[in-house]
Amino acid sequence: SRLDRYGGDDADEDDENSDGMIDLTPDDLAQPGFIGDTMTLESSHVLASSHRSERTYSNDKGYFTIAEVVQAIIKFELVDRPKCSPYGCIDDHHIYFEGLEPNEMNDAFTIAWSA
């Protein structure tokens, strides 16, 4: 998977030809997307602790590029998403990325998705 388009508040909603997405250039993807040497992602759904996922990603430059954030999210979702349905199937409805939300202790982030 790769991110090459973005749908967000910057999209021109008044443009009849716009699908709400913005094309991202290599320069866009190289911009800082998360500030810090580590980024910890954790499950956003409520499950037994034995089913929760948490992964920490590290770098040496003090930030993660947008492309690196996307790759970390993809890696995390490959591990976590199969666990997230109480009915035993993968959640394929919540597919629109809304952002990273800090947890209550501010030591990790959950991934916000919408349908």
PDB file of N, CA and C in Angstrom:
ATOM      1  N   SER A   1       0.840  -1.192   0.000  1.00  0.00           N
ATOM      2  CA  SER A   1       0.000   0.000   0.000  1.00  0.00           C
ATOM      3  C   SER A   1       0.872   1.238   0.000  1.00  0.00           C
ATOM      4  N   ARG A   2       0.311   2.314  -0.562  1.00  0.00           N
ATOM      5  CA  ARG A   2       1.033   3.572  -0.525  1.00  0.00           C
ATOM      6  C   ARG A   2       0.020   4.710  -0.542  1.00  0.00           C
ATOM      7  N   LEU A   3       0.417   5.806   0.053  1.00  0.00           N
ATOM      8  CA  LEU A   3      -0.425   6.997   0.057  1.00  0.00           C
ATOM      9  C   LEU A   3       0.086   7.937  -1.013  1.00  0.00           C
ATOM     10  N   ASP A   4      -0.762   8.264  -1.956  1.00  0.00           N
ATOM     11  CA  ASP A   4      -0.370   9.262  -2.942  1.00  0.00           C
ATOM     12  C   ASP A   4      -1.440  10.326  -3.107  1.00  0.00           C
ATOM     13  N   ARG A   5      -2.511  10.220  -2.319  1.00  0.00           N
ATOM     14  CA  ARG A   5      -3.559  11.234  -2.317  1.00  0.00           C
ATOM     15  C   ARG A   5      -4.054  11.417  -0.897  1.00  0.00           C
ATOM     16  N   TYR A   6      -4.552  12.586  -0.607  1.00  0.00           N
ATOM     17  CA  TYR A   6      -5.003  12.915   0.738  1.00  0.00           C
ATOM     18  C   TYR A   6      -6.392  13.527   0.654  1.00  0.00           C
ATOM     19  N   GLY A   7      -7.284  13.087   1.495  1.00  0.00           N
ATOM     20  CA  GLY A   7      -8.609  13.707   1.583  1.00  0.00           C
ATOM     21  C   GLY A   7      -8.706  14.380   2.926  1.00  0.00           C
ATOM     22  N   GLY A   8      -8.757  15.673   2.942  1.00  0.00           N
ATOM     23  CA  GLY A   8      -8.785  16.372   4.210  1.00  0.00           C
ATOM     24  C   GLY A   8      -9.428  17.722   4.083  1.00  0.00           C
ATOM     25  N   ASP A   9      -9.301  18.523   5.103  1.00  0.00           N
ATOM     26  CA  ASP A   9      -9.936  19.832   5.142  1.00  0.00           C
ATOM     27  C   ASP A   9      -9.418  20.771   4.065  1.00  0.00           C
ATOM     28  N   ASP A  10      -8.229  20.501   3.532  1.00  0.00           N
ATOM     29  CA  ASP A  10      -7.665  21.382   2.516  1.00  0.00           C
ATOM     30  C   ASP A  10      -8.244  21.121   1.127  1.00  0.00           C
ATOM     31  N   ALA A  11      -8.982  20.031   0.979  1.00  0.00           N
ATOM     32  CA  ALA A  11      -9.553  19.709  -0.328  1.00  0.00           C
ATOM     33  C   ALA A  11     -10.597  20.764  -0.686  1.00  0.00           C
ATOM     34  N   ASP A  12     -10.649  21.099  -1.948  1.00  0.00           N
ATOM     35  CA  ASP A  12     -11.577  22.128  -2.423  1.00  0.00           C
ATOM     36  C   ASP A  12     -12.959  21.517  -2.600  1.00  0.00           C
ATOM     37  N   GLU A  13     -13.824  21.718  -1.615  1.00  0.00           N
ATOM     38  CA  GLU A  13     -15.154  21.126  -1.649  1.00  0.00           C
ATOM     39  C   GLU A  13     -16.055  21.812  -2.671  1.00  0.00           C
ATOM     40  N   ASP A  14     -15.725  23.015  -3.101  1.00  0.00           N
ATOM     41  CA  ASP A  14     -16.557  23.734  -4.058  1.00  0.00           C
ATOM     42  C   ASP A  14     -16.275  23.331  -5.498  1.00  0.00           C
ATOM     43  N   ASP A  15     -15.207  22.642  -5.743  1.00  0.00           N
ATOM     44  CA  ASP A  15     -14.844  22.234  -7.097  1.00  0.00           C
ATOM     45  C   ASP A  15     -15.678  21.021  -7.498  1.00  0.00           C
ATOM     46  N   GLU A  16     -16.526  21.177  -8.497  1.00  0.00           N
ATOM     47  CA  GLU A  16     -17.390  20.096  -8.938  1.00  0.00           C
ATOM     48  C   GLU A  16     -16.603  18.889  -9.431  1.00  0.00           C
ATOM     49  N   ASN A  17     -15.391  19.121  -9.929  1.00  0.00           N
ATOM     50  CA  ASN A  17     -14.578  18.039 -10.468  1.00  0.00           C
ATOM     51  C   ASN A  17     -13.712  17.371  -9.403  1.00  0.00           C
ATOM     52  N   SER A  18     -13.727  17.905  -8.199  1.00  0.00           N
ATOM     53  CA  SER A  18     -12.897  17.363  -7.132  1.00  0.00           C
ATOM     54  C   SER A  18     -13.598  16.181  -6.471  1.00  0.00           C
ATOM     55  N   ASP A  19     -12.841  15.140  -6.165  1.00  0.00           N
ATOM     56  CA  ASP A  19     -13.388  14.010  -5.427  1.00  0.00           C
ATOM     57  C   ASP A  19     -13.038  14.118  -3.949  1.00  0.00           C
ATOM     58  N   GLY A  20     -12.593  15.313  -3.529  1.00  0.00           N
ATOM     59  CA  GLY A  20     -12.235  15.534  -2.134  1.00  0.00           C
ATOM     60  C   GLY A  20     -10.836  15.068  -1.790  1.00  0.00           C
ATOM     61  N   MET A  21     -10.052  14.751  -2.794  1.00  0.00           N
ATOM     62  CA  MET A  21      -8.698  14.257  -2.567  1.00  0.00           C
ATOM     63  C   MET A  21      -7.687  15.241  -3.142  1.00  0.00           C
ATOM     64  N   ILE A  22      -6.512  15.269  -2.533  1.00  0.00           N
ATOM     65  CA  ILE A  22      -5.419  16.121  -2.975  1.00  0.00           C
ATOM     66  C   ILE A  22      -4.258  15.210  -3.358  1.00  0.00           C
ATOM     67  N   ASP A  23      -3.701  15.407  -4.548  1.00  0.00           N
ATOM     68  CA  ASP A  23      -2.536  14.630  -4.959  1.00  0.00           C
ATOM     69  C   ASP A  23      -1.325  15.047  -4.136  1.00  0.00           C
ATOM     70  N   LEU A  24      -0.576  14.063  -3.635  1.00  0.00           N
ATOM     71  CA  LEU A  24       0.641  14.332  -2.867  1.00  0.00           C
ATOM     72  C   LEU A  24       1.857  14.083  -3.741  1.00  0.00           C
ATOM     73  N   THR A  25       2.771  15.017  -3.692  1.00  0.00           N
ATOM     74  CA  THR A  25       4.017  14.896  -4.443  1.00  0.00           C
ATOM     75  C   THR A  25       5.066  14.228  -3.559  1.00  0.00           C
ATOM     76  N   PRO A  26       6.173  13.804  -4.123  1.00  0.00           N
ATOM     77  CA  PRO A  26       7.264  13.285  -3.296  1.00  0.00           C
ATOM     78  C   PRO A  26       7.727  14.313  -2.260  1.00  0.00           C
ATOM     79  N   ASP A  27       7.708  15.601  -2.622  1.00  0.00           N
ATOM     80  CA  ASP A  27       8.082  16.641  -1.656  1.00  0.00           C
ATOM     81  C   ASP A  27       7.088  16.694  -0.501  1.00  0.00           C
ATOM     82  N   ASP A  28       5.789  16.541  -0.803  1.00  0.00           N
ATOM     83  CA  ASP A  28       4.778  16.512   0.257  1.00  0.00           C
ATOM     84  C   ASP A  28       5.043  15.351   1.208  1.00  0.00           C
ATOM     85  N   LEU A  29       5.287  14.175   0.657  1.00  0.00           N
ATOM     86  CA  LEU A  29       5.491  12.978   1.470  1.00  0.00           C
ATOM     87  C   LEU A  29       6.766  13.044   2.301  1.00  0.00           C
ATOM     88  N   ALA A  30       7.710  13.893   1.919  1.00  0.00           N
ATOM     89  CA  ALA A  30       8.974  14.046   2.647  1.00  0.00           C
ATOM     90  C   ALA A  30       8.876  15.056   3.791  1.00  0.00           C
ATOM     91  N   GLN A  31       7.748  15.736   3.921  1.00  0.00           N
ATOM     92  CA  GLN A  31       7.567  16.728   4.984  1.00  0.00           C
ATOM     93  C   GLN A  31       7.339  16.044   6.326  1.00  0.00           C
ATOM     94  N   PRO A  32       7.688  16.708   7.442  1.00  0.00           N
ATOM     95  CA  PRO A  32       7.418  16.120   8.759  1.00  0.00           C
ATOM     96  C   PRO A  32       5.927  15.840   8.937  1.00  0.00           C
ATOM     97  N   GLY A  33       5.643  14.640   9.420  1.00  0.00           N
ATOM     98  CA  GLY A  33       4.265  14.249   9.684  1.00  0.00           C
ATOM     99  C   GLY A  33       4.028  13.953  11.149  1.00  0.00           C
ATOM    100  N   PHE A  34       5.104  13.750  11.902  1.00  0.00           N
ATOM    101  CA  PHE A  34       5.022  13.477  13.334  1.00  0.00           C
ATOM    102  C   PHE A  34       6.354  13.893  13.936  1.00  0.00           C
ATOM    103  N   ILE A  35       6.310  14.721  14.964  1.00  0.00           N
ATOM    104  CA  ILE A  35       7.531  15.205  15.606  1.00  0.00           C
ATOM    105  C   ILE A  35       7.863  14.308  16.797  1.00  0.00           C
ATOM    106  N   GLY A  36       9.091  13.814  16.828  1.00  0.00           N
ATOM    107  CA  GLY A  36       9.556  12.974  17.919  1.00  0.00           C
ATOM    108  C   GLY A  36      10.488  11.896  17.412  1.00  0.00           C
ATOM    109  N   ASP A  37      11.263  11.314  18.338  1.00  0.00           N
ATOM    110  CA  ASP A  37      12.178  10.220  18.003  1.00  0.00           C
ATOM    111  C   ASP A  37      11.474   8.873  18.014  1.00  0.00           C
ATOM    112  N   THR A  38      10.350   8.791  18.728  1.00  0.00           N
ATOM    113  CA  THR A  38       9.568   7.566  18.763  1.00  0.00           C
ATOM    114  C   THR A  38       8.091   7.894  18.557  1.00  0.00           C
ATOM    115  N   MET A  39       7.393   6.953  17.993  1.00  0.00           N
ATOM    116  CA  MET A  39       5.950   7.072  17.800  1.00  0.00           C
ATOM    117  C   MET A  39       5.360   5.719  18.194  1.00  0.00           C
ATOM    118  N   THR A  40       4.522   5.720  19.227  1.00  0.00           N
ATOM    119  CA  THR A  40       3.900   4.485  19.704  1.00  0.00           C
ATOM    120  C   THR A  40       2.435   4.484  19.291  1.00  0.00           C
ATOM    121  N   LEU A  41       2.037   3.426  18.614  1.00  0.00           N
ATOM    122  CA  LEU A  41       0.650   3.236  18.202  1.00  0.00           C
ATOM    123  C   LEU A  41       0.061   2.107  19.026  1.00  0.00           C
ATOM    124  N   GLU A  42      -1.204   2.269  19.429  1.00  0.00           N
ATOM    125  CA  GLU A  42      -1.868   1.227  20.193  1.00  0.00           C
ATOM    126  C   GLU A  42      -3.286   1.029  19.675  1.00  0.00           C
ATOM    127  N   SER A  43      -3.869  -0.102  20.010  1.00  0.00           N
ATOM    128  CA  SER A  43      -5.223  -0.433  19.576  1.00  0.00           C
ATOM    129  C   SER A  43      -6.198   0.645  20.008  1.00  0.00           C
ATOM    130  N   SER A  44      -7.128   0.959  19.124  1.00  0.00           N
ATOM    131  CA  SER A  44      -8.140   1.960  19.462  1.00  0.00           C
ATOM    132  C   SER A  44      -9.434   1.313  19.919  1.00  0.00           C
ATOM    133  N   HIS A  45      -9.569   0.032  19.725  1.00  0.00           N
ATOM    134  CA  HIS A  45     -10.798  -0.656  20.107  1.00  0.00           C
ATOM    135  C   HIS A  45     -10.631  -1.299  21.475  1.00  0.00           C
ATOM    136  N   VAL A  46     -11.734  -1.548  22.128  1.00  0.00           N
ATOM    137  CA  VAL A  46     -11.715  -2.116  23.472  1.00  0.00           C
ATOM    138  C   VAL A  46     -11.777  -3.639  23.348  1.00  0.00           C
ATOM    139  N   LEU A  47     -10.696  -4.257  23.709  1.00  0.00           N
ATOM    140  CA  LEU A  47     -10.609  -5.716  23.693  1.00  0.00           C
ATOM    141  C   LEU A  47      -9.897  -6.178  24.954  1.00  0.00           C
ATOM    142  N   ALA A  48      -9.932  -7.447  25.192  1.00  0.00           N
ATOM    143  CA  ALA A  48      -9.154  -7.996  26.296  1.00  0.00           C
ATOM    144  C   ALA A  48      -7.689  -7.636  26.083  1.00  0.00           C
ATOM    145  N   SER A  49      -6.972  -7.399  27.159  1.00  0.00           N
ATOM    146  CA  SER A  49      -5.578  -6.948  27.051  1.00  0.00           C
ATOM    147  C   SER A  49      -4.729  -7.922  26.235  1.00  0.00           C
ATOM    148  N   SER A  50      -5.082  -9.191  26.219  1.00  0.00           N
ATOM    149  CA  SER A  50      -4.299 -10.165  25.446  1.00  0.00           C
ATOM    150  C   SER A  50      -4.475  -9.969  23.941  1.00  0.00           C
ATOM    151  N   HIS A  51      -5.501  -9.219  23.523  1.00  0.00           N
ATOM    152  CA  HIS A  51      -5.756  -8.998  22.109  1.00  0.00           C
ATOM    153  C   HIS A  51      -5.355  -7.602  21.646  1.00  0.00           C
ATOM    154  N   ARG A  52      -4.901  -6.763  22.557  1.00  0.00           N
ATOM    155  CA  ARG A  52      -4.531  -5.396  22.191  1.00  0.00           C
ATOM    156  C   ARG A  52      -3.135  -5.388  21.560  1.00  0.00           C
ATOM    157  N   SER A  53      -2.929  -4.458  20.663  1.00  0.00           N
ATOM    158  CA  SER A  53      -1.634  -4.320  20.001  1.00  0.00           C
ATOM    159  C   SER A  53      -1.007  -2.993  20.394  1.00  0.00           C
ATOM    160  N   GLU A  54       0.315  -2.993  20.486  1.00  0.00           N
ATOM    161  CA  GLU A  54       1.071  -1.760  20.700  1.00  0.00           C
ATOM    162  C   GLU A  54       2.416  -1.938  20.015  1.00  0.00           C
ATOM    163  N   ARG A  55       2.794  -0.947  19.233  1.00  0.00           N
ATOM    164  CA  ARG A  55       4.081  -0.981  18.530  1.00  0.00           C
ATOM    165  C   ARG A  55       4.724   0.398  18.638  1.00  0.00           C
ATOM    166  N   THR A  56       6.040   0.404  18.850  1.00  0.00           N
ATOM    167  CA  THR A  56       6.783   1.651  18.902  1.00  0.00           C
ATOM    168  C   THR A  56       7.745   1.689  17.722  1.00  0.00           C
ATOM    169  N   TYR A  57       7.718   2.793  17.009  1.00  0.00           N
ATOM    170  CA  TYR A  57       8.579   3.021  15.850  1.00  0.00           C
ATOM    171  C   TYR A  57       9.576   4.103  16.229  1.00  0.00           C
ATOM    172  N   SER A  58      10.823   3.949  15.810  1.00  0.00           N
ATOM    173  CA  SER A  58      11.894   4.868  16.200  1.00  0.00           C
ATOM    174  C   SER A  58      12.641   5.397  14.986  1.00  0.00           C
ATOM    175  N   ASN A  59      13.258   6.561  15.178  1.00  0.00           N
ATOM    176  CA  ASN A  59      14.165   7.118  14.176  1.00  0.00           C
ATOM    177  C   ASN A  59      15.196   7.994  14.884  1.00  0.00           C
ATOM    178  N   ASP A  60      16.160   8.486  14.149  1.00  0.00           N
ATOM    179  CA  ASP A  60      17.231   9.293  14.740  1.00  0.00           C
ATOM    180  C   ASP A  60      17.179  10.761  14.350  1.00  0.00           C
ATOM    181  N   LYS A  61      16.213  11.178  13.562  1.00  0.00           N
ATOM    182  CA  LYS A  61      16.225  12.552  13.067  1.00  0.00           C
ATOM    183  C   LYS A  61      15.284  13.497  13.810  1.00  0.00           C
ATOM    184  N   GLY A  62      14.501  12.978  14.761  1.00  0.00           N
ATOM    185  CA  GLY A  62      13.632  13.844  15.553  1.00  0.00           C
ATOM    186  C   GLY A  62      12.238  14.037  14.991  1.00  0.00           C
ATOM    187  N   TYR A  63      11.941  13.417  13.850  1.00  0.00           N
ATOM    188  CA  TYR A  63      10.603  13.483  13.267  1.00  0.00           C
ATOM    189  C   TYR A  63      10.430  12.329  12.287  1.00  0.00           C
ATOM    190  N   PHE A  64       9.181  12.036  11.971  1.00  0.00           N
ATOM    191  CA  PHE A  64       8.837  11.060  10.955  1.00  0.00           C
ATOM    192  C   PHE A  64       8.229  11.818   9.791  1.00  0.00           C
ATOM    193  N   THR A  65       8.631  11.485   8.589  1.00  0.00           N
ATOM    194  CA  THR A  65       8.015  12.114   7.414  1.00  0.00           C
ATOM    195  C   THR A  65       6.581  11.595   7.273  1.00  0.00           C
ATOM    196  N   ILE A  66       5.805  12.270   6.452  1.00  0.00           N
ATOM    197  CA  ILE A  66       4.442  11.805   6.188  1.00  0.00           C
ATOM    198  C   ILE A  66       4.486  10.385   5.640  1.00  0.00           C
ATOM    199  N   ALA A  67       5.409  10.108   4.731  1.00  0.00           N
ATOM    200  CA  ALA A  67       5.529   8.758   4.164  1.00  0.00           C
ATOM    201  C   ALA A  67       5.869   7.736   5.255  1.00  0.00           C
ATOM    202  N   GLU A  68       6.739   8.093   6.192  1.00  0.00           N
ATOM    203  CA  GLU A  68       7.098   7.174   7.280  1.00  0.00           C
ATOM    204  C   GLU A  68       5.930   6.936   8.228  1.00  0.00           C
ATOM    205  N   VAL A  69       5.138   7.971   8.490  1.00  0.00           N
ATOM    206  CA  VAL A  69       3.950   7.806   9.332  1.00  0.00           C
ATOM    207  C   VAL A  69       2.978   6.842   8.658  1.00  0.00           C
ATOM    208  N   VAL A  70       2.757   7.038   7.371  1.00  0.00           N
ATOM    209  CA  VAL A  70       1.842   6.169   6.638  1.00  0.00           C
ATOM    210  C   VAL A  70       2.335   4.719   6.679  1.00  0.00           C
ATOM    211  N   GLN A  71       3.625   4.506   6.466  1.00  0.00           N
ATOM    212  CA  GLN A  71       4.166   3.145   6.498  1.00  0.00           C
ATOM    213  C   GLN A  71       4.025   2.516   7.880  1.00  0.00           C
ATOM    214  N   ALA A  72       4.226   3.295   8.948  1.00  0.00           N
ATOM    215  CA  ALA A  72       4.052   2.778  10.307  1.00  0.00           C
ATOM    216  C   ALA A  72       2.593   2.390  10.542  1.00  0.00           C
ATOM    217  N   ILE A  73       1.670   3.221  10.069  1.00  0.00           N
ATOM    218  CA  ILE A  73       0.244   2.921  10.227  1.00  0.00           C
ATOM    219  C   ILE A  73      -0.108   1.643   9.471  1.00  0.00           C
ATOM    220  N   ILE A  74       0.399   1.492   8.262  1.00  0.00           N
ATOM    221  CA  ILE A  74       0.124   0.282   7.482  1.00  0.00           C
ATOM    222  C   ILE A  74       0.648  -0.953   8.213  1.00  0.00           C
ATOM    223  N   LYS A  75       1.889  -0.896   8.705  1.00  0.00           N
ATOM    224  CA  LYS A  75       2.467  -2.030   9.435  1.00  0.00           C
ATOM    225  C   LYS A  75       1.640  -2.364  10.670  1.00  0.00           C
ATOM    226  N   PHE A  76       1.227  -1.319  11.399  1.00  0.00           N
ATOM    227  CA  PHE A  76       0.444  -1.529  12.609  1.00  0.00           C
ATOM    228  C   PHE A  76      -0.924  -2.132  12.278  1.00  0.00           C
ATOM    229  N   GLU A  77      -1.569  -1.610  11.268  1.00  0.00           N
ATOM    230  CA  GLU A  77      -2.898  -2.097  10.898  1.00  0.00           C
ATOM    231  C   GLU A  77      -2.858  -3.552  10.449  1.00  0.00           C
ATOM    232  N   LEU A  78      -1.775  -3.989   9.807  1.00  0.00           N
ATOM    233  CA  LEU A  78      -1.658  -5.388   9.401  1.00  0.00           C
ATOM    234  C   LEU A  78      -1.680  -6.322  10.605  1.00  0.00           C
ATOM    235  N   VAL A  79      -1.180  -5.865  11.742  1.00  0.00           N
ATOM    236  CA  VAL A  79      -1.181  -6.651  12.971  1.00  0.00           C
ATOM    237  C   VAL A  79      -2.486  -6.454  13.742  1.00  0.00           C
ATOM    238  N   ASP A  80      -2.953  -5.213  13.833  1.00  0.00           N
ATOM    239  CA  ASP A  80      -4.053  -4.878  14.734  1.00  0.00           C
ATOM    240  C   ASP A  80      -5.443  -5.060  14.137  1.00  0.00           C
ATOM    241  N   ARG A  81      -5.629  -4.694  12.910  1.00  0.00           N
ATOM    242  CA  ARG A  81      -6.988  -4.691  12.326  1.00  0.00           C
ATOM    243  C   ARG A  81      -7.661  -6.066  12.350  1.00  0.00           C
ATOM    244  N   PRO A  82      -6.946  -7.162  12.096  1.00  0.00           N
ATOM    245  CA  PRO A  82      -7.630  -8.465  12.165  1.00  0.00           C
ATOM    246  C   PRO A  82      -8.199  -8.781  13.553  1.00  0.00           C
ATOM    247  N   LYS A  83      -7.725  -8.103  14.592  1.00  0.00           N
ATOM    248  CA  LYS A  83      -8.185  -8.349  15.952  1.00  0.00           C
ATOM    249  C   LYS A  83      -9.382  -7.495  16.338  1.00  0.00           C
ATOM    250  N   CYS A  84      -9.766  -6.539  15.510  1.00  0.00           N
ATOM    251  CA  CYS A  84     -10.649  -5.481  15.995  1.00  0.00           C
ATOM    252  C   CYS A  84     -12.135  -5.764  15.915  1.00  0.00           C
ATOM    253  N   SER A  85     -12.564  -6.828  15.310  1.00  0.00           N
ATOM    254  CA  SER A  85     -13.991  -7.097  15.232  1.00  0.00           C
ATOM    255  C   SER A  85     -14.390  -8.124  16.286  1.00  0.00           C
ATOM    256  N   PRO A  86     -15.423  -7.820  17.066  1.00  0.00           N
ATOM    257  CA  PRO A  86     -15.882  -8.799  18.053  1.00  0.00           C
ATOM    258  C   PRO A  86     -16.531 -10.016  17.399  1.00  0.00           C
ATOM    259  N   TYR A  87     -16.798  -9.929  16.092  1.00  0.00           N
ATOM    260  CA  TYR A  87     -17.450 -11.023  15.384  1.00  0.00           C
ATOM    261  C   TYR A  87     -16.457 -11.914  14.645  1.00  0.00           C
ATOM    262  N   GLY A  88     -15.167 -11.669  14.827  1.00  0.00           N
ATOM    263  CA  GLY A  88     -14.152 -12.525  14.242  1.00  0.00           C
ATOM    264  C   GLY A  88     -13.771 -12.208  12.810  1.00  0.00           C
ATOM    265  N   CYS A  89     -14.263 -11.104  12.264  1.00  0.00           N
ATOM    266  CA  CYS A  89     -13.878 -10.741  10.904  1.00  0.00           C
ATOM    267  C   CYS A  89     -13.213  -9.362  10.917  1.00  0.00           C
ATOM    268  N   ILE A  90     -12.459  -9.083   9.882  1.00  0.00           N
ATOM    269  CA  ILE A  90     -11.726  -7.829   9.799  1.00  0.00           C
ATOM    270  C   ILE A  90     -12.692  -6.670   9.555  1.00  0.00           C
ATOM    271  N   ASP A  91     -12.479  -5.566  10.261  1.00  0.00           N
ATOM    272  CA  ASP A  91     -13.289  -4.358  10.067  1.00  0.00           C
ATOM    273  C   ASP A  91     -12.888  -3.736   8.734  1.00  0.00           C
ATOM    274  N   ASP A  92     -13.774  -3.861   7.744  1.00  0.00           N
ATOM    275  CA  ASP A  92     -13.480  -3.275   6.438  1.00  0.00           C
ATOM    276  C   ASP A  92     -14.379  -2.081   6.147  1.00  0.00           C
ATOM    277  N   HIS A  93     -15.036  -1.554   7.175  1.00  0.00           N
ATOM    278  CA  HIS A  93     -15.920  -0.403   7.004  1.00  0.00           C
ATOM    279  C   HIS A  93     -15.236   0.915   7.377  1.00  0.00           C
ATOM    280  N   HIS A  94     -14.399   0.891   8.390  1.00  0.00           N
ATOM    281  CA  HIS A  94     -13.721   2.101   8.845  1.00  0.00           C
ATOM    282  C   HIS A  94     -12.387   2.214   8.114  1.00  0.00           C
ATOM    283  N   ILE A  95     -12.406   2.934   6.979  1.00  0.00           N
ATOM    284  CA  ILE A  95     -11.249   2.946   6.090  1.00  0.00           C
ATOM    285  C   ILE A  95     -10.707   4.342   5.806  1.00  0.00           C
ATOM    286  N   TYR A  96     -11.358   5.372   6.326  1.00  0.00           N
ATOM    287  CA  TYR A  96     -10.911   6.744   6.062  1.00  0.00           C
ATOM    288  C   TYR A  96     -10.131   7.267   7.258  1.00  0.00           C
ATOM    289  N   PHE A  97      -8.858   7.538   7.036  1.00  0.00           N
ATOM    290  CA  PHE A  97      -7.975   8.004   8.102  1.00  0.00           C
ATOM    291  C   PHE A  97      -8.397   9.394   8.559  1.00  0.00           C
ATOM    292  N   GLU A  98      -8.558   9.546   9.875  1.00  0.00           N
ATOM    293  CA  GLU A  98      -8.941  10.835  10.453  1.00  0.00           C
ATOM    294  C   GLU A  98      -7.828  11.467  11.280  1.00  0.00           C
ATOM    295  N   GLY A  99      -6.841  10.691  11.683  1.00  0.00           N
ATOM    296  CA  GLY A  99      -5.741  11.260  12.443  1.00  0.00           C
ATOM    297  C   GLY A  99      -5.262  10.340  13.546  1.00  0.00           C
ATOM    298  N   LEU A 100      -4.265  10.821  14.274  1.00  0.00           N
ATOM    299  CA  LEU A 100      -3.728  10.117  15.428  1.00  0.00           C
ATOM    300  C   LEU A 100      -4.209  10.839  16.680  1.00  0.00           C
ATOM    301  N   GLU A 101      -4.756  10.079  17.625  1.00  0.00           N
ATOM    302  CA  GLU A 101      -5.277  10.668  18.858  1.00  0.00           C
ATOM    303  C   GLU A 101      -4.470  10.159  20.039  1.00  0.00           C
ATOM    304  N   PRO A 102      -3.997  11.066  20.916  1.00  0.00           N
ATOM    305  CA  PRO A 102      -3.232  10.618  22.085  1.00  0.00           C
ATOM    306  C   PRO A 102      -4.125   9.832  23.045  1.00  0.00           C
ATOM    307  N   ASN A 103      -3.532   8.846  23.690  1.00  0.00           N
ATOM    308  CA  ASN A 103      -4.288   8.103  24.689  1.00  0.00           C
ATOM    309  C   ASN A 103      -4.380   8.925  25.972  1.00  0.00           C
ATOM    310  N   GLU A 104      -5.043   8.386  26.984  1.00  0.00           N
ATOM    311  CA  GLU A 104      -5.264   9.125  28.228  1.00  0.00           C
ATOM    312  C   GLU A 104      -3.961   9.475  28.935  1.00  0.00           C
ATOM    313  N   MET A 105      -2.937   8.653  28.797  1.00  0.00           N
ATOM    314  CA  MET A 105      -1.657   8.891  29.465  1.00  0.00           C
ATOM    315  C   MET A 105      -0.690   9.700  28.611  1.00  0.00           C
ATOM    316  N   ASN A 106      -1.092  10.043  27.385  1.00  0.00           N
ATOM    317  CA  ASN A 106      -0.243  10.790  26.453  1.00  0.00           C
ATOM    318  C   ASN A 106       1.091  10.104  26.166  1.00  0.00           C
ATOM    319  N   ASP A 107       1.094   8.770  26.197  1.00  0.00           N
ATOM    320  CA  ASP A 107       2.334   8.050  25.877  1.00  0.00           C
ATOM    321  C   ASP A 107       2.209   7.185  24.626  1.00  0.00           C
ATOM    322  N   ALA A 108       1.049   7.231  23.981  1.00  0.00           N
ATOM    323  CA  ALA A 108       0.828   6.479  22.749  1.00  0.00           C
ATOM    324  C   ALA A 108      -0.335   7.113  21.999  1.00  0.00           C
ATOM    325  N   PHE A 109      -0.503   6.698  20.755  1.00  0.00           N
ATOM    326  CA  PHE A 109      -1.563   7.233  19.908  1.00  0.00           C
ATOM    327  C   PHE A 109      -2.424   6.102  19.366  1.00  0.00           C
ATOM    328  N   THR A 110      -3.709   6.367  19.261  1.00  0.00           N
ATOM    329  CA  THR A 110      -4.593   5.465  18.561  1.00  0.00           C
ATOM    330  C   THR A 110      -4.878   6.062  17.190  1.00  0.00           C
ATOM    331  N   ILE A 111      -5.205   5.209  16.259  1.00  0.00           N
ATOM    332  CA  ILE A 111      -5.493   5.650  14.894  1.00  0.00           C
ATOM    333  C   ILE A 111      -7.003   5.822  14.769  1.00  0.00           C
ATOM    334  N   ALA A 112      -7.430   7.014  14.384  1.00  0.00           N
ATOM    335  CA  ALA A 112      -8.856   7.288  14.219  1.00  0.00           C
ATOM    336  C   ALA A 112      -9.250   7.029  12.769  1.00  0.00           C
ATOM    337  N   TRP A 113     -10.276   6.207  12.589  1.00  0.00           N
ATOM    338  CA  TRP A 113     -10.801   5.860  11.277  1.00  0.00           C
ATOM    339  C   TRP A 113     -12.291   6.176  11.238  1.00  0.00           C
ATOM    340  N   SER A 114     -12.806   6.505  10.073  1.00  0.00           N
ATOM    341  CA  SER A 114     -14.249   6.668   9.918  1.00  0.00           C
ATOM    342  C   SER A 114     -14.728   5.807   8.772  1.00  0.00           C
ATOM    343  N   ALA A 115     -16.038   5.624   8.715  1.00  0.00           N
ATOM    344  CA  ALA A 115     -16.632   4.795   7.665  1.00  0.00           C
ATOM    345  C   ALA A 115     -17.007   5.637   6.465  1.00  0.00           C
TER     346      ALA A 115
END
